């Protein structure tokens, strides 16, 4: 008897299904591994993104602090300059008044001597 007569059609089907099942399981496992890698990669990418954002926010806060300090320094300098300007204007007004007074005195002296 031939070897083929001993094998039933069901045996071939079972063997073929086992191969298909193993291939499907391998593909499913590969897909699962890919999904896990992608998940891990996405989580790492999100973590790096959060770290970059946190660092950027810290840098911006530092810059804001520096700008507040510079702004306060400029404000204080402006106040001092306005005070100096006010004193100079007052001194200038006093000097103009003195010049006017001296002109009157000088004119009176010239009139007296003539």
PDB file of N, CA and C in Angstrom:
ATOM      1  N   UNK A   1       0.803  -1.161   0.000  1.00  0.00           N
ATOM      2  CA  UNK A   1       0.000   0.000   0.000  1.00  0.00           C
ATOM      3  C   UNK A   1       0.861   1.245   0.000  1.00  0.00           C
ATOM      4  N   UNK A   2       0.363   2.217  -0.642  1.00  0.00           N
ATOM      5  CA  UNK A   2       1.102   3.463  -0.772  1.00  0.00           C
ATOM      6  C   UNK A   2       1.013   4.259   0.522  1.00  0.00           C
ATOM      7  N   UNK A   3       1.955   5.082   0.659  1.00  0.00           N
ATOM      8  CA  UNK A   3       2.012   5.933   1.836  1.00  0.00           C
ATOM      9  C   UNK A   3       0.882   6.954   1.830  1.00  0.00           C
ATOM     10  N   UNK A   4       0.486   7.356   0.638  1.00  0.00           N
ATOM     11  CA  UNK A   4      -0.565   8.370   0.537  1.00  0.00           C
ATOM     12  C   UNK A   4      -1.922   7.843   0.970  1.00  0.00           C
ATOM     13  N   UNK A   5      -2.115   6.548   0.857  1.00  0.00           N
ATOM     14  CA  UNK A   5      -3.407   5.977   1.239  1.00  0.00           C
ATOM     15  C   UNK A   5      -3.589   5.984   2.741  1.00  0.00           C
ATOM     16  N   UNK A   6      -2.499   5.986   3.463  1.00  0.00           N
ATOM     17  CA  UNK A   6      -2.583   5.978   4.922  1.00  0.00           C
ATOM     18  C   UNK A   6      -2.982   7.348   5.481  1.00  0.00           C
ATOM     19  N   UNK A   7      -2.724   8.387   4.712  1.00  0.00           N
ATOM     20  CA  UNK A   7      -2.998   9.751   5.199  1.00  0.00           C
ATOM     21  C   UNK A   7      -4.397  10.145   4.779  1.00  0.00           C
ATOM     22  N   UNK A   8      -5.162  10.556   5.714  1.00  0.00           N
ATOM     23  CA  UNK A   8      -6.520  10.981   5.394  1.00  0.00           C
ATOM     24  C   UNK A   8      -6.508  12.457   5.002  1.00  0.00           C
ATOM     25  N   UNK A   9      -7.517  12.943   4.327  1.00  0.00           N
ATOM     26  CA  UNK A   9      -7.591  14.359   3.963  1.00  0.00           C
ATOM     27  C   UNK A   9      -7.653  15.241   5.198  1.00  0.00           C
ATOM     28  N   UNK A  10      -8.144  14.748   6.297  1.00  0.00           N
ATOM     29  CA  UNK A  10      -8.241  15.538   7.528  1.00  0.00           C
ATOM     30  C   UNK A  10      -6.870  15.820   8.122  1.00  0.00           C
ATOM     31  N   UNK A  11      -5.947  14.899   7.939  1.00  0.00           N
ATOM     32  CA  UNK A  11      -4.597  15.094   8.449  1.00  0.00           C
ATOM     33  C   UNK A  11      -3.945  16.269   7.753  1.00  0.00           C
ATOM     34  N   UNK A  12      -4.088  16.375   6.460  1.00  0.00           N
ATOM     35  CA  UNK A  12      -3.521  17.473   5.678  1.00  0.00           C
ATOM     36  C   UNK A  12      -4.125  18.788   6.128  1.00  0.00           C
ATOM     37  N   UNK A  13      -5.425  18.801   6.340  1.00  0.00           N
ATOM     38  CA  UNK A  13      -6.117  20.008   6.769  1.00  0.00           C
ATOM     39  C   UNK A  13      -5.621  20.434   8.134  1.00  0.00           C
ATOM     40  N   UNK A  14      -5.466  19.522   9.027  1.00  0.00           N
ATOM     41  CA  UNK A  14      -4.994  19.839  10.361  1.00  0.00           C
ATOM     42  C   UNK A  14      -3.578  20.370  10.288  1.00  0.00           C
ATOM     43  N   UNK A  15      -2.727  19.774   9.505  1.00  0.00           N
ATOM     44  CA  UNK A  15      -1.348  20.229   9.366  1.00  0.00           C
ATOM     45  C   UNK A  15      -1.305  21.624   8.769  1.00  0.00           C
ATOM     46  N   UNK A  16      -2.104  21.873   7.730  1.00  0.00           N
ATOM     47  CA  UNK A  16      -2.144  23.179   7.091  1.00  0.00           C
ATOM     48  C   UNK A  16      -2.671  24.222   8.061  1.00  0.00           C
ATOM     49  N   UNK A  17      -3.711  23.892   8.778  1.00  0.00           N
ATOM     50  CA  UNK A  17      -4.267  24.839   9.756  1.00  0.00           C
ATOM     51  C   UNK A  17      -3.253  25.145  10.845  1.00  0.00           C
ATOM     52  N   UNK A  18      -2.487  24.179  11.266  1.00  0.00           N
ATOM     53  CA  UNK A  18      -1.464  24.402  12.286  1.00  0.00           C
ATOM     54  C   UNK A  18      -0.422  25.378  11.772  1.00  0.00           C
ATOM     55  N   UNK A  19      -0.018  25.239  10.519  1.00  0.00           N
ATOM     56  CA  UNK A  19       0.961  26.169   9.928  1.00  0.00           C
ATOM     57  C   UNK A  19       0.376  27.559   9.853  1.00  0.00           C
ATOM     58  N   UNK A  20      -0.890  27.643   9.405  1.00  0.00           N
ATOM     59  CA  UNK A  20      -1.547  28.948   9.330  1.00  0.00           C
ATOM     60  C   UNK A  20      -1.695  29.560  10.714  1.00  0.00           C
ATOM     61  N   UNK A  21      -2.056  28.742  11.687  1.00  0.00           N
ATOM     62  CA  UNK A  21      -2.205  29.230  13.060  1.00  0.00           C
ATOM     63  C   UNK A  21      -0.874  29.738  13.597  1.00  0.00           C
ATOM     64  N   UNK A  22       0.190  29.017  13.327  1.00  0.00           N
ATOM     65  CA  UNK A  22       1.524  29.433  13.785  1.00  0.00           C
ATOM     66  C   UNK A  22       1.944  30.723  13.097  1.00  0.00           C
ATOM     67  N   UNK A  23       1.663  30.845  11.787  1.00  0.00           N
ATOM     68  CA  UNK A  23       1.997  32.069  11.057  1.00  0.00           C
ATOM     69  C   UNK A  23       1.196  33.245  11.600  1.00  0.00           C
ATOM     70  N   UNK A  24      -0.091  33.023  11.828  1.00  0.00           N
ATOM     71  CA  UNK A  24      -0.943  34.091  12.371  1.00  0.00           C
ATOM     72  C   UNK A  24      -0.464  34.484  13.765  1.00  0.00           C
ATOM     73  N   UNK A  25      -0.088  33.507  14.560  1.00  0.00           N
ATOM     74  CA  UNK A  25       0.404  33.796  15.907  1.00  0.00           C
ATOM     75  C   UNK A  25       1.712  34.580  15.837  1.00  0.00           C
ATOM     76  N   UNK A  26       2.582  34.216  14.901  1.00  0.00           N
ATOM     77  CA  UNK A  26       3.847  34.928  14.747  1.00  0.00           C
ATOM     78  C   UNK A  26       3.597  36.361  14.301  1.00  0.00           C
ATOM     79  N   UNK A  27       2.664  36.555  13.358  1.00  0.00           N
ATOM     80  CA  UNK A  27       2.324  37.905  12.906  1.00  0.00           C
ATOM     81  C   UNK A  27       1.709  38.716  14.036  1.00  0.00           C
ATOM     82  N   UNK A  28       0.849  38.067  14.791  1.00  0.00           N
ATOM     83  CA  UNK A  28       0.213  38.747  15.922  1.00  0.00           C
ATOM     84  C   UNK A  28       1.275  39.146  16.956  1.00  0.00           C
ATOM     85  N   UNK A  29       2.210  38.260  17.200  1.00  0.00           N
ATOM     86  CA  UNK A  29       3.287  38.557  18.143  1.00  0.00           C
ATOM     87  C   UNK A  29       4.143  39.703  17.625  1.00  0.00           C
ATOM     88  N   UNK A  30       4.451  39.678  16.318  1.00  0.00           N
ATOM     89  CA  UNK A  30       5.246  40.743  15.705  1.00  0.00           C
ATOM     90  C   UNK A  30       4.501  42.073  15.789  1.00  0.00           C
ATOM     91  N   UNK A  31       3.204  42.044  15.486  1.00  0.00           N
ATOM     92  CA  UNK A  31       2.393  43.265  15.585  1.00  0.00           C
ATOM     93  C   UNK A  31       2.356  43.779  17.014  1.00  0.00           C
ATOM     94  N   UNK A  32       2.251  42.867  17.970  1.00  0.00           N
ATOM     95  CA  UNK A  32       2.242  43.251  19.383  1.00  0.00           C
ATOM     96  C   UNK A  32       3.574  43.907  19.757  1.00  0.00           C
ATOM     97  N   UNK A  33       4.685  43.311  19.319  1.00  0.00           N
ATOM     98  CA  UNK A  33       6.006  43.887  19.595  1.00  0.00           C
ATOM     99  C   UNK A  33       6.139  45.267  18.972  1.00  0.00           C
ATOM    100  N   UNK A  34       5.660  45.413  17.730  1.00  0.00           N
ATOM    101  CA  UNK A  34       5.710  46.720  17.065  1.00  0.00           C
ATOM    102  C   UNK A  34       4.886  47.743  17.829  1.00  0.00           C
ATOM    103  N   UNK A  35       3.691  47.336  18.270  1.00  0.00           N
ATOM    104  CA  UNK A  35       2.844  48.229  19.046  1.00  0.00           C
ATOM    105  C   UNK A  35       3.532  48.651  20.344  1.00  0.00           C
ATOM    106  N   UNK A  36       4.164  47.687  21.011  1.00  0.00           N
ATOM    107  CA  UNK A  36       4.876  48.004  22.262  1.00  0.00           C
ATOM    108  C   UNK A  36       6.038  48.951  22.001  1.00  0.00           C
ATOM    109  N   UNK A  37       6.802  48.696  20.939  1.00  0.00           N
ATOM    110  CA  UNK A  37       7.917  49.592  20.602  1.00  0.00           C
ATOM    111  C   UNK A  37       7.407  50.999  20.318  1.00  0.00           C
ATOM    112  N   UNK A  38       6.321  51.087  19.534  1.00  0.00           N
ATOM    113  CA  UNK A  38       5.741  52.382  19.202  1.00  0.00           C
ATOM    114  C   UNK A  38       5.244  53.073  20.466  1.00  0.00           C
ATOM    115  N   UNK A  39       4.605  52.332  21.353  1.00  0.00           N
ATOM    116  CA  UNK A  39       4.115  52.886  22.615  1.00  0.00           C
ATOM    117  C   UNK A  39       5.273  53.432  23.451  1.00  0.00           C
ATOM    118  N   UNK A  40       6.323  52.641  23.560  1.00  0.00           N
ATOM    119  CA  UNK A  40       7.496  53.071  24.333  1.00  0.00           C
ATOM    120  C   UNK A  40       8.128  54.293  23.680  1.00  0.00           C
ATOM    121  N   UNK A  41       8.252  54.258  22.352  1.00  0.00           N
ATOM    122  CA  UNK A  41       8.827  55.388  21.621  1.00  0.00           C
ATOM    123  C   UNK A  41       7.986  56.643  21.817  1.00  0.00           C
ATOM    124  N   UNK A  42       6.672  56.506  21.738  1.00  0.00           N
ATOM    125  CA  UNK A  42       5.784  57.655  21.921  1.00  0.00           C
ATOM    126  C   UNK A  42       5.879  58.214  23.344  1.00  0.00           C
ATOM    127  N   UNK A  43       5.956  57.320  24.319  1.00  0.00           N
ATOM    128  CA  UNK A  43       6.080  57.781  25.711  1.00  0.00           C
ATOM    129  C   UNK A  43       7.394  58.528  25.917  1.00  0.00           C
ATOM    130  N   UNK A  44       8.464  58.011  25.339  1.00  0.00           N
ATOM    131  CA  UNK A  44       9.769  58.662  25.456  1.00  0.00           C
ATOM    132  C   UNK A  44       9.746  60.019  24.755  1.00  0.00           C
ATOM    133  N   UNK A  45       9.146  60.054  23.593  1.00  0.00           N
ATOM    134  CA  UNK A  45       9.028  61.312  22.854  1.00  0.00           C
ATOM    135  C   UNK A  45       8.214  62.330  23.653  1.00  0.00           C
ATOM    136  N   UNK A  46       7.122  61.893  24.249  1.00  0.00           N
ATOM    137  CA  UNK A  46       6.294  62.778  25.073  1.00  0.00           C
ATOM    138  C   UNK A  46       7.075  63.263  26.290  1.00  0.00           C
ATOM    139  N   UNK A  47       7.860  62.375  26.902  1.00  0.00           N
ATOM    140  CA  UNK A  47       8.676  62.766  28.068  1.00  0.00           C
ATOM    141  C   UNK A  47       9.684  63.835  27.667  1.00  0.00           C
ATOM    142  N   UNK A  48      10.368  63.620  26.517  1.00  0.00           N
ATOM    143  CA  UNK A  48      11.341  64.617  26.043  1.00  0.00           C
ATOM    144  C   UNK A  48      10.655  65.946  25.741  1.00  0.00           C
ATOM    145  N   UNK A  49       9.476  65.871  25.170  1.00  0.00           N
ATOM    146  CA  UNK A  49       8.715  67.081  24.854  1.00  0.00           C
ATOM    147  C   UNK A  49       8.353  67.833  26.131  1.00  0.00           C
ATOM    148  N   UNK A  50       7.915  67.106  27.156  1.00  0.00           N
ATOM    149  CA  UNK A  50       7.591  67.748  28.439  1.00  0.00           C
ATOM    150  C   UNK A  50       8.829  68.387  29.059  1.00  0.00           C
ATOM    151  N   UNK A  51       9.960  67.693  28.954  1.00  0.00           N
ATOM    152  CA  UNK A  51      11.208  68.235  29.510  1.00  0.00           C
ATOM    153  C   UNK A  51      11.621  69.512  28.769  1.00  0.00           C
ATOM    154  N   UNK A  52      11.500  69.494  27.433  1.00  0.00           N
ATOM    155  CA  UNK A  52      11.825  70.695  26.652  1.00  0.00           C
ATOM    156  C   UNK A  52      10.913  71.850  27.043  1.00  0.00           C
ATOM    157  N   UNK A  53       9.629  71.561  27.180  1.00  0.00           N
ATOM    158  CA  UNK A  53       8.663  72.593  27.554  1.00  0.00           C
ATOM    159  C   UNK A  53       8.976  73.144  28.942  1.00  0.00           C
ATOM    160  N   UNK A  54       9.284  72.256  29.873  1.00  0.00           N
ATOM    161  CA  UNK A  54       9.620  72.680  31.240  1.00  0.00           C
ATOM    162  C   UNK A  54      10.862  73.562  31.240  1.00  0.00           C
ATOM    163  N   UNK A  55      11.875  73.160  30.480  1.00  0.00           N
ATOM    164  CA  UNK A  55      13.108  73.951  30.391  1.00  0.00           C
ATOM    165  C   UNK A  55      12.826  75.310  29.758  1.00  0.00           C
ATOM    166  N   UNK A  56      12.010  75.320  28.708  1.00  0.00           N
ATOM    167  CA  UNK A  56      11.674  76.580  28.042  1.00  0.00           C
ATOM    168  C   UNK A  56      10.922  77.505  28.993  1.00  0.00           C
ATOM    169  N   UNK A  57       9.998  76.949  29.767  1.00  0.00           N
ATOM    170  CA  UNK A  57       9.245  77.765  30.725  1.00  0.00           C
ATOM    171  C   UNK A  57      10.182  78.331  31.785  1.00  0.00           C
ATOM    172  N   UNK A  58      11.127  77.516  32.269  1.00  0.00           N
ATOM    173  CA  UNK A  58      12.089  77.999  33.265  1.00  0.00           C
ATOM    174  C   UNK A  58      12.941  79.125  32.685  1.00  0.00           C
ATOM    175  N   UNK A  59      13.376  78.965  31.438  1.00  0.00           N
ATOM    176  CA  UNK A  59      14.183  80.004  30.793  1.00  0.00           C
ATOM    177  C   UNK A  59      13.374  81.289  30.623  1.00  0.00           C
ATOM    178  N   UNK A  60      12.113  81.155  30.242  1.00  0.00           N
ATOM    179  CA  UNK A  60      11.263  82.332  30.081  1.00  0.00           C
ATOM    180  C   UNK A  60      11.009  83.023  31.419  1.00  0.00           C
ATOM    181  N   UNK A  61      10.800  82.231  32.487  1.00  0.00           N
ATOM    182  CA  UNK A  61      10.619  82.820  33.819  1.00  0.00           C
ATOM    183  C   UNK A  61      11.869  83.578  34.243  1.00  0.00           C
ATOM    184  N   UNK A  62      13.034  82.992  33.961  1.00  0.00           N
ATOM    185  CA  UNK A  62      14.299  83.655  34.293  1.00  0.00           C
ATOM    186  C   UNK A  62      14.419  84.964  33.508  1.00  0.00           C
ATOM    187  N   UNK A  63      14.071  84.916  32.234  1.00  0.00           N
ATOM    188  CA  UNK A  63      14.131  86.125  31.406  1.00  0.00           C
ATOM    189  C   UNK A  63      13.161  87.186  31.917  1.00  0.00           C
ATOM    190  N   UNK A  64      11.965  86.768  32.331  1.00  0.00           N
ATOM    191  CA  UNK A  64      10.984  87.707  32.892  1.00  0.00           C
ATOM    192  C   UNK A  64      11.551  88.362  34.148  1.00  0.00           C
ATOM    193  N   UNK A  65      12.172  87.556  35.021  1.00  0.00           N
ATOM    194  CA  UNK A  65      12.782  88.101  36.241  1.00  0.00           C
ATOM    195  C   UNK A  65      13.854  89.132  35.903  1.00  0.00           C
ATOM    196  N   UNK A  66      14.703  88.808  34.932  1.00  0.00           N
ATOM    197  CA  UNK A  66      15.750  89.742  34.519  1.00  0.00           C
ATOM    198  C   UNK A  66      15.153  91.022  33.949  1.00  0.00           C
ATOM    199  N   UNK A  67      14.089  90.896  33.176  1.00  0.00           N
ATOM    200  CA  UNK A  67      13.448  92.083  32.603  1.00  0.00           C
ATOM    201  C   UNK A  67      12.796  92.940  33.683  1.00  0.00           C
ATOM    202  N   UNK A  68      12.217  92.295  34.710  1.00  0.00           N
ATOM    203  CA  UNK A  68      11.662  93.061  35.831  1.00  0.00           C
ATOM    204  C   UNK A  68      12.758  93.858  36.538  1.00  0.00           C
ATOM    205  N   UNK A  69      13.891  93.224  36.755  1.00  0.00           N
ATOM    206  CA  UNK A  69      15.009  93.905  37.414  1.00  0.00           C
ATOM    207  C   UNK A  69      15.476  95.080  36.555  1.00  0.00           C
ATOM    208  N   UNK A  70      15.682  94.836  35.268  1.00  0.00           N
ATOM    209  CA  UNK A  70      16.123  95.898  34.361  1.00  0.00           C
ATOM    210  C   UNK A  70      15.091  97.023  34.312  1.00  0.00           C
ATOM    211  N   UNK A  71      13.821  96.669  34.285  1.00  0.00           N
ATOM    212  CA  UNK A  71      12.757  97.671  34.251  1.00  0.00           C
ATOM    213  C   UNK A  71      12.779  98.534  35.512  1.00  0.00           C
ATOM    214  N   UNK A  72      12.955  97.891  36.676  1.00  0.00           N
ATOM    215  CA  UNK A  72      13.025  98.644  37.934  1.00  0.00           C
ATOM    216  C   UNK A  72      14.233  99.571  37.960  1.00  0.00           C
ATOM    217  N   UNK A  73      15.371  99.076  37.462  1.00  0.00           N
ATOM    218  CA  UNK A  73      16.572  99.910  37.414  1.00  0.00           C
ATOM    219  C   UNK A  73      16.352 101.120  36.507  1.00  0.00           C
ATOM    220  N   UNK A  74      15.733 100.888  35.361  1.00  0.00           N
ATOM    221  CA  UNK A  74      15.465 101.996  34.439  1.00  0.00           C
ATOM    222  C   UNK A  74      14.465 102.979  35.040  1.00  0.00           C
ATOM    223  N   UNK A  75      13.468 102.466  35.752  1.00  0.00           N
ATOM    224  CA  UNK A  75      12.491 103.331  36.402  1.00  0.00           C
ATOM    225  C   UNK A  75      13.171 104.210  37.455  1.00  0.00           C
ATOM    226  N   UNK A  76      14.027 103.599  38.265  1.00  0.00           N
ATOM    227  CA  UNK A  76      14.748 104.378  39.293  1.00  0.00           C
ATOM    228  C   UNK A  76      15.659 105.409  38.651  1.00  0.00           C
ATOM    229  N   UNK A  77      16.313 105.029  37.562  1.00  0.00           N
ATOM    230  CA  UNK A  77      17.183 105.978  36.845  1.00  0.00           C
ATOM    231  C   UNK A  77      16.352 107.129  36.287  1.00  0.00           C
ATOM    232  N   UNK A  78      15.189 106.824  35.739  1.00  0.00           N
ATOM    233  CA  UNK A  78      14.300 107.863  35.214  1.00  0.00           C
ATOM    234  C   UNK A  78      13.889 108.828  36.316  1.00  0.00           C
ATOM    235  N   UNK A  79      13.535 108.290  37.485  1.00  0.00           N
ATOM    236  CA  UNK A  79      13.146 109.141  38.624  1.00  0.00           C
ATOM    237  C   UNK A  79      14.301 110.067  38.994  1.00  0.00           C
ATOM    238  N   UNK A  80      15.518 109.498  39.090  1.00  0.00           N
ATOM    239  CA  UNK A  80      16.690 110.331  39.432  1.00  0.00           C
ATOM    240  C   UNK A  80      16.917 111.408  38.383  1.00  0.00           C
ATOM    241  N   UNK A  81      16.817 111.054  37.112  1.00  0.00           N
ATOM    242  CA  UNK A  81      17.020 112.036  36.039  1.00  0.00           C
ATOM    243  C   UNK A  81      15.945 113.127  36.067  1.00  0.00           C
ATOM    244  N   UNK A  82      14.711 112.750  36.361  1.00  0.00           N
ATOM    245  CA  UNK A  82      13.647 113.752  36.464  1.00  0.00           C
ATOM    246  C   UNK A  82      13.907 114.702  37.639  1.00  0.00           C
ATOM    247  N   UNK A  83      14.403 114.140  38.752  1.00  0.00           N
ATOM    248  CA  UNK A  83      14.730 114.983  39.906  1.00  0.00           C
ATOM    249  C   UNK A  83      15.868 115.937  39.567  1.00  0.00           C
ATOM    250  N   UNK A  84      16.907 115.397  38.894  1.00  0.00           N
ATOM    251  CA  UNK A  84      18.036 116.245  38.483  1.00  0.00           C
ATOM    252  C   UNK A  84      17.548 117.316  37.519  1.00  0.00           C
ATOM    253  N   UNK A  85      16.715 116.922  36.572  1.00  0.00           N
ATOM    254  CA  UNK A  85      16.171 117.877  35.605  1.00  0.00           C
ATOM    255  C   UNK A  85      15.381 118.976  36.308  1.00  0.00           C
ATOM    256  N   UNK A  86      14.594 118.592  37.307  1.00  0.00           N
ATOM    257  CA  UNK A  86      13.807 119.577  38.058  1.00  0.00           C
ATOM    258  C   UNK A  86      14.729 120.562  38.780  1.00  0.00           C
ATOM    259  N   UNK A  87      15.798 120.035  39.386  1.00  0.00           N
ATOM    260  CA  UNK A  87      16.756 120.922  40.074  1.00  0.00           C
ATOM    261  C   UNK A  87      17.435 121.862  39.076  1.00  0.00           C
ATOM    262  N   UNK A  88      17.798 121.344  37.922  1.00  0.00           N
ATOM    263  CA  UNK A  88      18.455 122.171  36.902  1.00  0.00           C
ATOM    264  C   UNK A  88      17.503 123.249  36.397  1.00  0.00           C
ATOM    265  N   UNK A  89      16.245 122.882  36.173  1.00  0.00           N
ATOM    266  CA  UNK A  89      15.258 123.879  35.738  1.00  0.00           C
ATOM    267  C   UNK A  89      15.081 124.965  36.797  1.00  0.00           C
ATOM    268  N   UNK A  90      15.041 124.546  38.060  1.00  0.00           N
ATOM    269  CA  UNK A  90      14.894 125.504  39.155  1.00  0.00           C
ATOM    270  C   UNK A  90      16.135 126.401  39.223  1.00  0.00           C
ATOM    271  N   UNK A  91      17.312 125.796  39.110  1.00  0.00           N
ATOM    272  CA  UNK A  91      18.552 126.578  39.132  1.00  0.00           C
ATOM    273  C   UNK A  91      18.598 127.531  37.939  1.00  0.00           C
ATOM    274  N   UNK A  92      18.155 127.073  36.793  1.00  0.00           N
ATOM    275  CA  UNK A  92      18.139 127.905  35.597  1.00  0.00           C
ATOM    276  C   UNK A  92      17.200 129.098  35.795  1.00  0.00           C
ATOM    277  N   UNK A  93      16.043 128.848  36.397  1.00  0.00           N
ATOM    278  CA  UNK A  93      15.096 129.943  36.652  1.00  0.00           C
ATOM    279  C   UNK A  93      15.715 130.950  37.617  1.00  0.00           C
ATOM    280  N   UNK A  94      16.411 130.446  38.654  1.00  0.00           N
ATOM    281  CA  UNK A  94      17.071 131.339  39.619  1.00  0.00           C
ATOM    282  C   UNK A  94      18.167 132.148  38.936  1.00  0.00           C
ATOM    283  N   UNK A  95      18.935 131.497  38.058  1.00  0.00           N
ATOM    284  CA  UNK A  95      20.003 132.206  37.345  1.00  0.00           C
ATOM    285  C   UNK A  95      19.434 133.262  36.395  1.00  0.00           C
ATOM    286  N   UNK A  96      18.342 132.943  35.727  1.00  0.00           N
ATOM    287  CA  UNK A  96      17.696 133.935  34.854  1.00  0.00           C
ATOM    288  C   UNK A  96      17.215 135.130  35.661  1.00  0.00           C
ATOM    289  N   UNK A  97      16.658 134.853  36.822  1.00  0.00           N
ATOM    290  CA  UNK A  97      16.199 135.928  37.695  1.00  0.00           C
ATOM    291  C   UNK A  97      17.380 136.781  38.151  1.00  0.00           C
ATOM    292  N   UNK A  98      18.482 136.136  38.465  1.00  0.00           N
ATOM    293  CA  UNK A  98      19.686 136.862  38.899  1.00  0.00           C
ATOM    294  C   UNK A  98      20.251 137.699  37.758  1.00  0.00           C
ATOM    295  N   UNK A  99      20.267 137.107  36.547  1.00  0.00           N
ATOM    296  CA  UNK A  99      20.745 137.859  35.380  1.00  0.00           C
ATOM    297  C   UNK A  99      19.864 139.084  35.165  1.00  0.00           C
ATOM    298  N   UNK A 100      18.572 138.905  35.251  1.00  0.00           N
ATOM    299  CA  UNK A 100      17.636 140.017  35.072  1.00  0.00           C
ATOM    300  C   UNK A 100      17.891 141.090  36.124  1.00  0.00           C
ATOM    301  N   UNK A 101      18.095 140.652  37.361  1.00  0.00           N
ATOM    302  CA  UNK A 101      18.371 141.590  38.442  1.00  0.00           C
ATOM    303  C   UNK A 101      19.685 142.323  38.202  1.00  0.00           C
ATOM    304  N   UNK A 102      20.706 141.610  37.735  1.00  0.00           N
ATOM    305  CA  UNK A 102      22.002 142.236  37.463  1.00  0.00           C
ATOM    306  C   UNK A 102      21.901 143.198  36.279  1.00  0.00           C
ATOM    307  N   UNK A 103      21.061 142.836  35.300  1.00  0.00           N
ATOM    308  CA  UNK A 103      20.882 143.747  34.168  1.00  0.00           C
ATOM    309  C   UNK A 103      20.251 145.056  34.627  1.00  0.00           C
ATOM    310  N   UNK A 104      19.274 144.928  35.523  1.00  0.00           N
ATOM    311  CA  UNK A 104      18.621 146.133  36.053  1.00  0.00           C
ATOM    312  C   UNK A 104      19.649 146.960  36.833  1.00  0.00           C
ATOM    313  N   UNK A 105      20.457 146.309  37.649  1.00  0.00           N
ATOM    314  CA  UNK A 105      21.476 147.003  38.430  1.00  0.00           C
ATOM    315  C   UNK A 105      22.495 147.649  37.504  1.00  0.00           C
ATOM    316  N   UNK A 106      22.902 146.922  36.480  1.00  0.00           N
ATOM    317  CA  UNK A 106      23.884 147.437  35.522  1.00  0.00           C
ATOM    318  C   UNK A 106      23.310 148.645  34.775  1.00  0.00           C
ATOM    319  N   UNK A 107      22.050 148.514  34.368  1.00  0.00           N
ATOM    320  CA  UNK A 107      21.412 149.638  33.659  1.00  0.00           C
ATOM    321  C   UNK A 107      21.325 150.846  34.580  1.00  0.00           C
ATOM    322  N   UNK A 108      20.983 150.635  35.848  1.00  0.00           N
ATOM    323  CA  UNK A 108      20.918 151.732  36.810  1.00  0.00           C
ATOM    324  C   UNK A 108      22.294 152.363  36.991  1.00  0.00           C
ATOM    325  N   UNK A 109      23.339 151.576  37.034  1.00  0.00           N
ATOM    326  CA  UNK A 109      24.705 152.126  37.205  1.00  0.00           C
ATOM    327  C   UNK A 109      25.119 152.926  35.982  1.00  0.00           C
ATOM    328  N   UNK A 110      24.743 152.448  34.819  1.00  0.00           N
ATOM    329  CA  UNK A 110      25.106 153.163  33.586  1.00  0.00           C
ATOM    330  C   UNK A 110      24.343 154.489  33.550  1.00  0.00           C
ATOM    331  N   UNK A 111      23.079 154.466  33.946  1.00  0.00           N
ATOM    332  CA  UNK A 111      22.294 155.701  33.953  1.00  0.00           C
ATOM    333  C   UNK A 111      22.844 156.691  34.965  1.00  0.00           C
ATOM    334  N   UNK A 112      23.319 156.227  36.071  1.00  0.00           N
ATOM    335  CA  UNK A 112      23.842 157.104  37.120  1.00  0.00           C
ATOM    336  C   UNK A 112      25.156 157.716  36.654  1.00  0.00           C
ATOM    337  N   UNK A 113      25.991 156.963  35.988  1.00  0.00           N
ATOM    338  CA  UNK A 113      27.286 157.459  35.576  1.00  0.00           C
ATOM    339  C   UNK A 113      27.197 158.374  34.364  1.00  0.00           C
ATOM    340  N   UNK A 114      26.184 158.336  33.658  1.00  0.00           N
ATOM    341  CA  UNK A 114      26.059 159.197  32.476  1.00  0.00           C
ATOM    342  C   UNK A 114      25.459 160.477  32.847  1.00  0.00           C
TER     343      UNK A 114
END
